[in-house]
Amino acid sequence: MSLIAELRLTDAQLVLRPSLQAAPGMTLEREWATAADRAADPVLFVWASGGDFEAFEAALPADPTIGEHECIDDRDDRRLYRVVVNRGVTTNPAP
């Protein structure tokens, strides 16, 4: 037996939530998460799709939930981002 669930989380302190609010319709899918050790800020690799990429990217520099960001793959309908989580601000800092 299998169970598939789709969740929509809305806490303001979730990683990238402020940037997502700037780009309604944008969806994120986590590809990979890692951290050098427990003291290091986690690094997430997330695919973004279905929204306004320009609005999303314009909001990233002011997003307090992340420290760094970089678009590392750009396809026609989605983009892969590398983001460093600001552990001091977010409610879900673990990879």
Protein backbone atom coordinates (compact mmCIF):
# COMPACT_ATOMS: atom_id res chain seq x y z
CA MET A 1 0.00 0.00 0.00
CA SER A 2 1.26 3.49 -0.87
CA LEU A 3 0.33 6.92 0.30
CA ILE A 4 1.05 10.11 -1.62
CA ALA A 5 0.36 13.43 0.04
CA GLU A 6 0.59 16.99 -1.23
CA LEU A 7 1.09 19.59 1.47
CA ARG A 8 0.81 23.36 1.37
CA LEU A 9 2.66 25.06 4.20
CA THR A 10 2.17 28.75 4.87
CA ASP A 11 4.25 29.75 7.90
CA ALA A 12 5.92 33.11 7.19
CA GLN A 13 9.26 31.77 8.42
CA LEU A 14 9.43 28.81 6.06
CA VAL A 15 12.45 28.85 3.77
CA LEU A 16 11.79 31.00 0.68
CA ARG A 17 8.22 31.88 1.74
CA PRO A 18 8.79 35.65 1.32
CA SER A 19 10.11 35.09 -2.21
CA LEU A 20 7.20 32.80 -3.07
CA GLN A 21 4.73 35.46 -1.95
CA ALA A 22 6.23 37.79 -4.55
CA ALA A 23 5.58 35.24 -7.31
CA PRO A 24 2.06 33.77 -6.97
CA GLY A 25 1.76 30.42 -8.66
CA MET A 26 5.43 29.55 -8.18
CA THR A 27 6.00 26.03 -6.89
CA LEU A 28 9.19 24.70 -5.31
CA GLU A 29 10.33 21.09 -5.29
CA ARG A 30 13.36 20.12 -3.23
CA GLU A 31 15.99 18.24 -5.22
CA TRP A 32 18.65 17.90 -2.54
CA ALA A 33 19.61 19.26 0.88
CA THR A 34 22.94 19.12 2.66
CA ALA A 35 25.02 20.73 5.40
CA ALA A 36 28.73 20.44 6.15
CA ASP A 37 27.94 19.71 9.80
CA ARG A 38 25.28 20.44 12.43
CA ALA A 39 26.61 23.96 13.00
CA ALA A 40 26.59 24.91 9.31
CA ASP A 41 23.65 26.52 7.58
CA PRO A 42 21.88 23.97 5.35
CA VAL A 43 22.16 24.25 1.59
CA LEU A 44 19.06 23.44 -0.46
CA PHE A 45 18.76 22.71 -4.15
CA VAL A 46 15.20 23.46 -5.27
CA TRP A 47 13.41 23.44 -8.60
CA ALA A 48 11.09 26.39 -9.18
CA SER A 49 8.28 26.26 -11.72
CA GLY A 50 4.86 27.57 -12.61
CA GLY A 51 5.26 31.23 -11.71
CA ASP A 52 6.92 34.51 -12.56
CA PHE A 53 10.67 33.82 -12.40
CA GLU A 54 11.57 37.51 -12.63
CA ALA A 55 9.39 38.40 -9.62
CA PHE A 56 10.73 35.43 -7.67
CA GLU A 57 14.36 36.30 -8.41
CA ALA A 58 13.79 39.99 -7.63
CA ALA A 59 12.54 39.00 -4.16
CA LEU A 60 15.43 36.64 -3.33
CA PRO A 61 18.01 39.28 -2.21
CA ALA A 62 15.60 40.66 0.42
CA ASP A 63 14.39 37.24 1.62
CA PRO A 64 15.48 36.94 5.28
CA THR A 65 15.10 33.14 5.28
CA ILE A 66 18.14 32.66 3.04
CA GLY A 67 21.69 33.93 3.14
CA GLU A 68 22.79 33.21 -0.43
CA HIS A 69 21.15 32.12 -3.65
CA GLU A 70 22.19 31.16 -7.15
CA CYS A 71 20.34 29.90 -10.22
CA ILE A 72 22.39 26.94 -11.41
CA ASP A 73 20.14 25.54 -14.16
CA ASP A 74 17.67 27.35 -16.40
CA ARG A 75 15.27 25.31 -18.49
CA ASP A 76 12.26 26.53 -20.44
CA ASP A 77 9.69 25.81 -17.75
CA ARG A 78 11.72 25.52 -14.54
CA ARG A 79 14.92 26.65 -12.84
CA LEU A 80 17.19 24.99 -10.29
CA TYR A 81 18.35 27.18 -7.41
CA ARG A 82 21.01 26.66 -4.78
CA VAL A 83 20.09 28.49 -1.57
CA VAL A 84 21.82 28.71 1.79
CA VAL A 85 19.26 28.67 4.58
CA ASN A 86 19.44 31.36 7.27
CA ARG A 87 19.00 29.02 10.23
CA GLY A 88 18.46 31.90 12.67
CA VAL A 89 15.27 33.02 10.91
CA THR A 90 13.59 29.89 9.58
CA THR A 91 11.30 27.40 11.26
CA ASN A 92 12.70 24.45 9.28
CA PRO A 93 16.50 24.71 9.22
CA ALA A 94 17.46 21.04 8.99
CA PRO A 95 18.33 19.48 5.62
